[in-house]
Amino acid sequence: MKLKTLNVFFFSLFFCVNVLAVENSSHQYNFFTGNFDFSDDKQSSSLVGFQHQNEILERNTFIGNISPITGGFITENSAVYIYTGFEWNVDMGVLTFTPSFAPGLYHKGDGKDLGHVLEFKSEVQLSYELSKNSSLGISYNHVSNASLGDKNPGANSYMFNYLKNF
């Protein structure tokens, strides 16, 4: 599937989800697009993705609010990464700082060979609250196999995020 088709699907889904918003939210959906492996001129490509956070499962711990996440992305070179992990939400008023960690499965498609099917995504995100149920953010992540494979080139990516609570 071409990236242009994916972007049309992504933005159509974005607007449909926006219309269906409800007042009492227990789920957060993160729609994002950006640049996969921007630091490698030969392998850099656009990406689109989606992430779900179920706030019913969140836990307040000694380090703050932690909740599970599940998501994935696809690049214009047909590389796919699906993951599940956790995020830590640090509320700073209208800003929220969110580090996360998620192991997942990677398929290179026609994109970059990261060296192993099992990869680990570490991410930081900063988002600005637009309203009670929506935020805009920017995030940066690093995907790496922690030297499980014969090679471990890793990939650095940045994304622009739209977060919506339902």
C-alpha atoms as a PDB file:
ATOM      1  CA  MET A   1       0.000   0.000   0.000  1.00  0.00           C
ATOM      2  CA  LYS A   2       1.403   3.391  -0.923  1.00  0.00           C
ATOM      3  CA  LEU A   3       2.040   5.993   1.774  1.00  0.00           C
ATOM      4  CA  LYS A   4      -0.374   8.440   0.129  1.00  0.00           C
ATOM      5  CA  THR A   5      -3.184   5.873   0.567  1.00  0.00           C
ATOM      6  CA  LEU A   6      -2.104   5.336   4.177  1.00  0.00           C
ATOM      7  CA  ASN A   7      -2.181   9.082   4.857  1.00  0.00           C
ATOM      8  CA  VAL A   8      -5.717   9.346   3.413  1.00  0.00           C
ATOM      9  CA  PHE A   9      -6.804   6.431   5.627  1.00  0.00           C
ATOM     10  CA  PHE A  10      -5.033   7.938   8.649  1.00  0.00           C
ATOM     11  CA  PHE A  11      -6.655  11.346   8.306  1.00  0.00           C
ATOM     12  CA  SER A  12     -10.096   9.838   7.537  1.00  0.00           C
ATOM     13  CA  LEU A  13      -9.838   7.767  10.711  1.00  0.00           C
ATOM     14  CA  PHE A  14      -8.682  10.869  12.597  1.00  0.00           C
ATOM     15  CA  PHE A  15     -11.796  12.846  11.594  1.00  0.00           C
ATOM     16  CA  CYS A  16     -14.193   9.946  12.261  1.00  0.00           C
ATOM     17  CA  VAL A  17     -12.738   9.457  15.739  1.00  0.00           C
ATOM     18  CA  ASN A  18     -13.038  13.194  16.393  1.00  0.00           C
ATOM     19  CA  VAL A  19     -16.758  13.109  15.598  1.00  0.00           C
ATOM     20  CA  LEU A  20     -17.401  10.139  17.913  1.00  0.00           C
ATOM     21  CA  ALA A  21     -15.823  11.711  21.037  1.00  0.00           C
ATOM     22  CA  VAL A  22     -17.617  11.266  24.360  1.00  0.00           C
ATOM     23  CA  GLU A  23     -17.326  13.233  27.578  1.00  0.00           C
ATOM     24  CA  ASN A  24     -16.168  10.509  30.038  1.00  0.00           C
ATOM     25  CA  SER A  25     -12.915   9.167  28.686  1.00  0.00           C
ATOM     26  CA  SER A  26     -11.231   5.904  29.575  1.00  0.00           C
ATOM     27  CA  HIS A  27      -9.300   5.306  26.362  1.00  0.00           C
ATOM     28  CA  GLN A  28      -6.687   7.441  24.683  1.00  0.00           C
ATOM     29  CA  TYR A  29      -5.876   7.124  20.990  1.00  0.00           C
ATOM     30  CA  ASN A  30      -2.643   8.556  19.637  1.00  0.00           C
ATOM     31  CA  PHE A  31      -2.491   9.117  15.878  1.00  0.00           C
ATOM     32  CA  PHE A  32       0.969  10.020  14.633  1.00  0.00           C
ATOM     33  CA  THR A  33       2.998  10.665  11.526  1.00  0.00           C
ATOM     34  CA  GLY A  34       6.635  11.515  11.097  1.00  0.00           C
ATOM     35  CA  ASN A  35      10.018  10.396   9.857  1.00  0.00           C
ATOM     36  CA  PHE A  36      11.409   6.904  10.524  1.00  0.00           C
ATOM     37  CA  ASP A  37      15.187   6.710  10.932  1.00  0.00           C
ATOM     38  CA  PHE A  38      15.716  10.405  10.132  1.00  0.00           C
ATOM     39  CA  SER A  39      19.396  10.181  11.103  1.00  0.00           C
ATOM     40  CA  ASP A  40      20.194   7.731   8.268  1.00  0.00           C
ATOM     41  CA  ASP A  41      20.014   9.554   4.912  1.00  0.00           C
ATOM     42  CA  LYS A  42      19.867   6.269   2.964  1.00  0.00           C
ATOM     43  CA  GLN A  43      17.066   4.674   5.023  1.00  0.00           C
ATOM     44  CA  SER A  44      14.956   7.641   6.134  1.00  0.00           C
ATOM     45  CA  SER A  45      11.236   7.282   5.305  1.00  0.00           C
ATOM     46  CA  SER A  46       7.829   8.665   6.265  1.00  0.00           C
ATOM     47  CA  LEU A  47       5.674   6.757   8.729  1.00  0.00           C
ATOM     48  CA  VAL A  48       2.104   6.710  10.028  1.00  0.00           C
ATOM     49  CA  GLY A  49       0.946   5.006  13.190  1.00  0.00           C
ATOM     50  CA  PHE A  50      -1.625   4.484  15.879  1.00  0.00           C
ATOM     51  CA  GLN A  51      -1.388   3.807  19.624  1.00  0.00           C
ATOM     52  CA  HIS A  52      -4.021   2.910  22.226  1.00  0.00           C
ATOM     53  CA  GLN A  53      -3.846   3.521  25.955  1.00  0.00           C
ATOM     54  CA  ASN A  54      -6.515   2.036  28.248  1.00  0.00           C
ATOM     55  CA  GLU A  55      -6.774   4.358  31.257  1.00  0.00           C
ATOM     56  CA  ILE A  56      -8.919   1.805  33.120  1.00  0.00           C
ATOM     57  CA  LEU A  57      -5.726  -0.237  33.508  1.00  0.00           C
ATOM     58  CA  GLU A  58      -3.533   2.670  34.674  1.00  0.00           C
ATOM     59  CA  ARG A  59      -1.834   2.403  38.053  1.00  0.00           C
ATOM     60  CA  ASN A  60      -0.562   5.081  40.368  1.00  0.00           C
ATOM     61  CA  THR A  61       2.860   4.006  41.581  1.00  0.00           C
ATOM     62  CA  PHE A  62       5.643   5.561  43.612  1.00  0.00           C
ATOM     63  CA  ILE A  63       7.053   7.039  40.366  1.00  0.00           C
ATOM     64  CA  GLY A  64       3.716   8.326  39.048  1.00  0.00           C
ATOM     65  CA  ASN A  65       0.889   7.201  36.782  1.00  0.00           C
ATOM     66  CA  ILE A  66       1.801   4.214  34.568  1.00  0.00           C
ATOM     67  CA  SER A  67      -0.494   2.688  31.947  1.00  0.00           C
ATOM     68  CA  PRO A  68      -0.241   0.015  29.247  1.00  0.00           C
ATOM     69  CA  ILE A  69       0.046   0.928  25.561  1.00  0.00           C
ATOM     70  CA  THR A  70      -0.390  -1.039  22.350  1.00  0.00           C
ATOM     71  CA  GLY A  71       0.285   0.257  18.875  1.00  0.00           C
ATOM     72  CA  GLY A  72       2.132   0.102  15.627  1.00  0.00           C
ATOM     73  CA  PHE A  73       3.379   1.988  12.609  1.00  0.00           C
ATOM     74  CA  ILE A  74       4.133   1.421   8.950  1.00  0.00           C
ATOM     75  CA  THR A  75       6.689   3.250   6.831  1.00  0.00           C
ATOM     76  CA  GLU A  76       6.563   4.261   3.189  1.00  0.00           C
ATOM     77  CA  ASN A  77       9.011   1.378   2.559  1.00  0.00           C
ATOM     78  CA  SER A  78       6.527  -1.137   4.021  1.00  0.00           C
ATOM     79  CA  ALA A  79       8.479  -1.676   7.246  1.00  0.00           C
ATOM     80  CA  VAL A  80       6.048  -2.531  10.058  1.00  0.00           C
ATOM     81  CA  TYR A  81       6.493  -2.414  13.837  1.00  0.00           C
ATOM     82  CA  ILE A  82       3.808  -3.578  16.299  1.00  0.00           C
ATOM     83  CA  TYR A  83       4.357  -3.220  20.023  1.00  0.00           C
ATOM     84  CA  THR A  84       2.946  -3.367  23.514  1.00  0.00           C
ATOM     85  CA  GLY A  85       4.460  -1.816  26.616  1.00  0.00           C
ATOM     86  CA  PHE A  86       3.874   0.965  29.124  1.00  0.00           C
ATOM     87  CA  GLU A  87       4.036   4.735  29.415  1.00  0.00           C
ATOM     88  CA  TRP A  88       4.501   7.089  32.321  1.00  0.00           C
ATOM     89  CA  ASN A  89       2.432  10.288  32.201  1.00  0.00           C
ATOM     90  CA  VAL A  90       3.884  13.310  33.969  1.00  0.00           C
ATOM     91  CA  ASP A  91       1.224  16.035  34.189  1.00  0.00           C
ATOM     92  CA  MET A  92       2.698  19.539  34.038  1.00  0.00           C
ATOM     93  CA  GLY A  93      -0.507  21.585  33.693  1.00  0.00           C
ATOM     94  CA  VAL A  94      -1.324  22.106  30.001  1.00  0.00           C
ATOM     95  CA  LEU A  95       1.806  20.107  29.090  1.00  0.00           C
ATOM     96  CA  THR A  96       2.296  16.382  29.597  1.00  0.00           C
ATOM     97  CA  PHE A  97       5.669  14.663  29.435  1.00  0.00           C
ATOM     98  CA  THR A  98       5.378  10.974  28.533  1.00  0.00           C
ATOM     99  CA  PRO A  99       8.321   8.578  28.429  1.00  0.00           C
ATOM    100  CA  SER A 100       7.503   5.029  27.299  1.00  0.00           C
ATOM    101  CA  PHE A 101       9.052   1.637  26.658  1.00  0.00           C
ATOM    102  CA  ALA A 102       7.624  -1.061  24.404  1.00  0.00           C
ATOM    103  CA  PRO A 103       9.042  -4.309  23.062  1.00  0.00           C
ATOM    104  CA  GLY A 104       7.609  -5.343  19.720  1.00  0.00           C
ATOM    105  CA  LEU A 105       7.888  -7.217  16.447  1.00  0.00           C
ATOM    106  CA  TYR A 106       9.537  -5.641  13.404  1.00  0.00           C
ATOM    107  CA  HIS A 107       9.268  -6.597   9.746  1.00  0.00           C
ATOM    108  CA  LYS A 108      11.645  -4.701   7.442  1.00  0.00           C
ATOM    109  CA  GLY A 109       9.545  -4.929   4.264  1.00  0.00           C
ATOM    110  CA  ASP A 110      11.551  -2.897   1.723  1.00  0.00           C
ATOM    111  CA  GLY A 111      12.941  -0.719   4.519  1.00  0.00           C
ATOM    112  CA  LYS A 112      15.836  -0.838   6.933  1.00  0.00           C
ATOM    113  CA  ASP A 113      17.097  -4.158   8.316  1.00  0.00           C
ATOM    114  CA  LEU A 114      17.278  -3.631  12.078  1.00  0.00           C
ATOM    115  CA  GLY A 115      18.912  -7.034  12.661  1.00  0.00           C
ATOM    116  CA  HIS A 116      16.202  -8.944  14.543  1.00  0.00           C
ATOM    117  CA  VAL A 117      12.449  -9.482  14.613  1.00  0.00           C
ATOM    118  CA  LEU A 118      12.335  -8.516  18.336  1.00  0.00           C
ATOM    119  CA  GLU A 119      13.007  -4.790  18.783  1.00  0.00           C
ATOM    120  CA  PHE A 120      12.613  -2.402  21.716  1.00  0.00           C
ATOM    121  CA  LYS A 121      11.178   1.113  21.409  1.00  0.00           C
ATOM    122  CA  SER A 122      12.133   3.835  23.910  1.00  0.00           C
ATOM    123  CA  GLU A 123      10.233   7.084  23.423  1.00  0.00           C
ATOM    124  CA  VAL A 124       9.699  10.514  24.904  1.00  0.00           C
ATOM    125  CA  GLN A 125       6.724  12.703  24.040  1.00  0.00           C
ATOM    126  CA  LEU A 126       5.710  16.223  24.986  1.00  0.00           C
ATOM    127  CA  SER A 127       2.078  17.135  24.394  1.00  0.00           C
ATOM    128  CA  TYR A 128       0.021  20.295  24.766  1.00  0.00           C
ATOM    129  CA  GLU A 129      -3.596  20.045  25.955  1.00  0.00           C
ATOM    130  CA  LEU A 130      -5.966  21.614  23.425  1.00  0.00           C
ATOM    131  CA  SER A 131      -9.111  20.695  25.359  1.00  0.00           C
ATOM    132  CA  LYS A 132     -10.213  18.238  28.018  1.00  0.00           C
ATOM    133  CA  ASN A 133     -10.224  15.413  25.457  1.00  0.00           C
ATOM    134  CA  SER A 134      -7.496  16.252  22.940  1.00  0.00           C
ATOM    135  CA  SER A 135      -3.813  17.167  22.760  1.00  0.00           C
ATOM    136  CA  LEU A 136      -1.123  17.843  20.171  1.00  0.00           C
ATOM    137  CA  GLY A 137       2.377  16.543  20.709  1.00  0.00           C
ATOM    138  CA  ILE A 138       5.801  15.827  19.347  1.00  0.00           C
ATOM    139  CA  SER A 139       7.757  12.683  20.121  1.00  0.00           C
ATOM    140  CA  TYR A 140      11.136  11.078  19.526  1.00  0.00           C
ATOM    141  CA  ASN A 141      11.929   7.375  19.707  1.00  0.00           C
ATOM    142  CA  HIS A 142      14.761   4.939  19.279  1.00  0.00           C
ATOM    143  CA  VAL A 143      14.115   1.370  18.116  1.00  0.00           C
ATOM    144  CA  SER A 144      16.886  -1.154  18.795  1.00  0.00           C
ATOM    145  CA  ASN A 145      17.285  -4.907  19.267  1.00  0.00           C
ATOM    146  CA  ALA A 146      19.619  -4.557  22.285  1.00  0.00           C
ATOM    147  CA  SER A 147      22.278  -6.574  20.386  1.00  0.00           C
ATOM    148  CA  LEU A 148      20.082  -9.683  20.112  1.00  0.00           C
ATOM    149  CA  GLY A 149      20.868  -9.905  16.392  1.00  0.00           C
ATOM    150  CA  ASP A 150      24.129 -10.112  14.454  1.00  0.00           C
ATOM    151  CA  LYS A 151      23.783  -6.395  13.838  1.00  0.00           C
ATOM    152  CA  ASN A 152      22.065  -3.620  15.756  1.00  0.00           C
ATOM    153  CA  PRO A 153      21.928  -0.422  13.677  1.00  0.00           C
ATOM    154  CA  GLY A 154      18.890   1.018  15.498  1.00  0.00           C
ATOM    155  CA  ALA A 155      16.572   3.684  14.122  1.00  0.00           C
ATOM    156  CA  ASN A 156      15.810   7.189  15.402  1.00  0.00           C
ATOM    157  CA  SER A 157      12.434   8.694  14.555  1.00  0.00           C
ATOM    158  CA  TYR A 158      10.399  11.793  15.268  1.00  0.00           C
ATOM    159  CA  MET A 159       6.622  12.077  15.097  1.00  0.00           C
ATOM    160  CA  PHE A 160       3.836  14.618  15.356  1.00  0.00           C
ATOM    161  CA  ASN A 161       0.990  13.321  17.511  1.00  0.00           C
ATOM    162  CA  TYR A 162      -2.715  13.945  17.892  1.00  0.00           C
ATOM    163  CA  LEU A 163      -4.074  12.412  21.101  1.00  0.00           C
ATOM    164  CA  LYS A 164      -7.798  11.950  21.676  1.00  0.00           C
ATOM    165  CA  ASN A 165      -9.532  10.652  24.812  1.00  0.00           C
ATOM    166  CA  PHE A 166     -12.787   8.674  24.643  1.00  0.00           C
END
